């Protein structure tokens, strides 16, 4: 089973997205901050919002795919697999995950 690490500082977004991804058949780990996310070692794909100190999280992931979900107008050039704009349709997120695993 594919394990996703979902990181977002918006508790409502985190809970809603986790529920949708679990119903789609994924094991979902959640964290609301970088420190919490760094506690997880075993996951296949990181899905994250651009939260405070996000660059240290990206740097620590290694070669695992990263999907950034953001509502920001401009996004810096990041070493990630995909950048998706919020609101991101569920079908687009699921297709992107499937493409990366």
Protein backbone atom coordinates (compact mmCIF):
# COMPACT_ATOMS: atom_id res chain seq x y z
CA UNK A 1 0.00 0.00 0.00
CA UNK A 2 1.32 3.44 -0.91
CA UNK A 3 1.88 5.74 2.06
CA UNK A 4 1.45 9.48 1.69
CA UNK A 5 2.75 12.13 4.07
CA UNK A 6 0.36 15.08 4.03
CA UNK A 7 1.60 18.37 5.53
CA UNK A 8 -0.57 21.47 5.87
CA UNK A 9 -0.94 24.04 8.64
CA UNK A 10 -4.66 24.44 7.90
CA UNK A 11 -6.35 21.82 10.09
CA UNK A 12 -9.54 21.74 7.98
CA UNK A 13 -7.63 21.24 4.73
CA UNK A 14 -5.46 18.58 6.36
CA UNK A 15 -8.43 16.60 7.68
CA UNK A 16 -10.46 16.87 4.48
CA UNK A 17 -7.59 15.88 2.20
CA UNK A 18 -6.55 13.02 4.47
CA UNK A 19 -10.08 11.63 4.41
CA UNK A 20 -10.28 11.84 0.60
CA UNK A 21 -6.90 10.16 0.13
CA UNK A 22 -7.71 7.39 2.62
CA UNK A 23 -10.99 6.69 0.80
CA UNK A 24 -8.95 6.44 -2.41
CA UNK A 25 -7.00 3.58 -0.83
CA UNK A 26 -3.85 5.29 0.44
CA UNK A 27 -2.33 5.12 3.89
CA UNK A 28 -2.08 8.76 5.00
CA UNK A 29 0.22 10.24 7.62
CA UNK A 30 -0.49 13.84 8.62
CA UNK A 31 1.51 16.70 10.08
CA UNK A 32 0.66 20.35 10.64
CA UNK A 33 4.26 21.54 10.82
CA UNK A 34 7.75 20.68 9.60
CA UNK A 35 8.88 19.24 12.96
CA UNK A 36 5.95 16.82 12.93
CA UNK A 37 6.60 15.84 9.33
CA UNK A 38 10.28 15.14 10.01
CA UNK A 39 9.25 12.53 12.60
CA UNK A 40 7.98 10.27 9.81
CA UNK A 41 10.52 8.11 8.00
CA UNK A 42 8.38 5.65 6.07
CA UNK A 43 6.32 7.18 3.28
CA UNK A 44 6.31 7.12 -0.50
CA UNK A 45 5.12 10.60 -1.51
CA UNK A 46 5.12 13.93 0.31
CA UNK A 47 2.15 16.22 -0.36
CA UNK A 48 2.65 19.61 1.23
CA UNK A 49 1.52 23.19 1.45
CA UNK A 50 4.21 25.87 1.51
CA UNK A 51 4.22 26.16 5.28
CA UNK A 52 6.82 27.90 7.43
CA UNK A 53 10.29 26.37 6.98
CA UNK A 54 9.15 24.31 3.99
CA UNK A 55 12.60 24.43 2.38
CA UNK A 56 14.13 22.37 5.20
CA UNK A 57 11.41 19.77 4.75
CA UNK A 58 12.00 19.58 1.01
CA UNK A 59 15.75 19.26 1.58
CA UNK A 60 15.32 16.39 4.05
CA UNK A 61 13.11 14.20 1.86
CA UNK A 62 15.80 12.83 -0.43
CA UNK A 63 14.69 11.26 -3.69
CA UNK A 64 11.04 10.69 -2.80
CA UNK A 65 8.50 12.57 -4.93
CA UNK A 66 7.08 15.82 -3.58
CA UNK A 67 3.79 17.41 -4.60
CA UNK A 68 3.30 21.02 -3.51
CA UNK A 69 -0.27 22.28 -3.13
CA UNK A 70 -0.34 26.05 -2.92
CA UNK A 71 -2.69 28.96 -3.14
CA UNK A 72 0.17 31.44 -3.50
CA UNK A 73 0.21 33.58 -6.60
CA UNK A 74 3.91 33.11 -7.20
CA UNK A 75 5.94 30.08 -6.27
CA UNK A 76 9.72 29.95 -6.14
CA UNK A 77 11.57 27.46 -8.30
CA UNK A 78 11.55 24.31 -6.17
CA UNK A 79 13.10 20.85 -6.58
CA UNK A 80 9.73 19.08 -6.50
CA UNK A 81 7.91 16.67 -8.81
CA UNK A 82 4.76 18.81 -9.20
CA UNK A 83 3.26 22.10 -8.08
CA UNK A 84 -0.55 22.11 -8.04
CA UNK A 85 -2.67 25.19 -7.41
CA UNK A 86 -5.33 25.28 -4.70
CA UNK A 87 -8.12 24.62 -4.97
CA UNK A 88 -6.91 21.43 -6.61
CA UNK A 89 -9.59 19.06 -7.91
CA UNK A 90 -9.38 15.64 -6.25
CA UNK A 91 -9.15 13.87 -9.61
CA UNK A 92 -6.07 15.94 -10.50
CA UNK A 93 -4.36 15.17 -7.19
CA UNK A 94 -5.15 11.45 -7.47
CA UNK A 95 -3.90 11.31 -11.06
CA UNK A 96 -0.70 13.08 -10.05
CA UNK A 97 -0.08 10.67 -7.18
CA UNK A 98 -0.72 7.67 -9.45
CA UNK A 99 1.72 9.08 -12.00
CA UNK A 100 4.47 9.44 -9.40
CA UNK A 101 4.22 6.05 -7.67
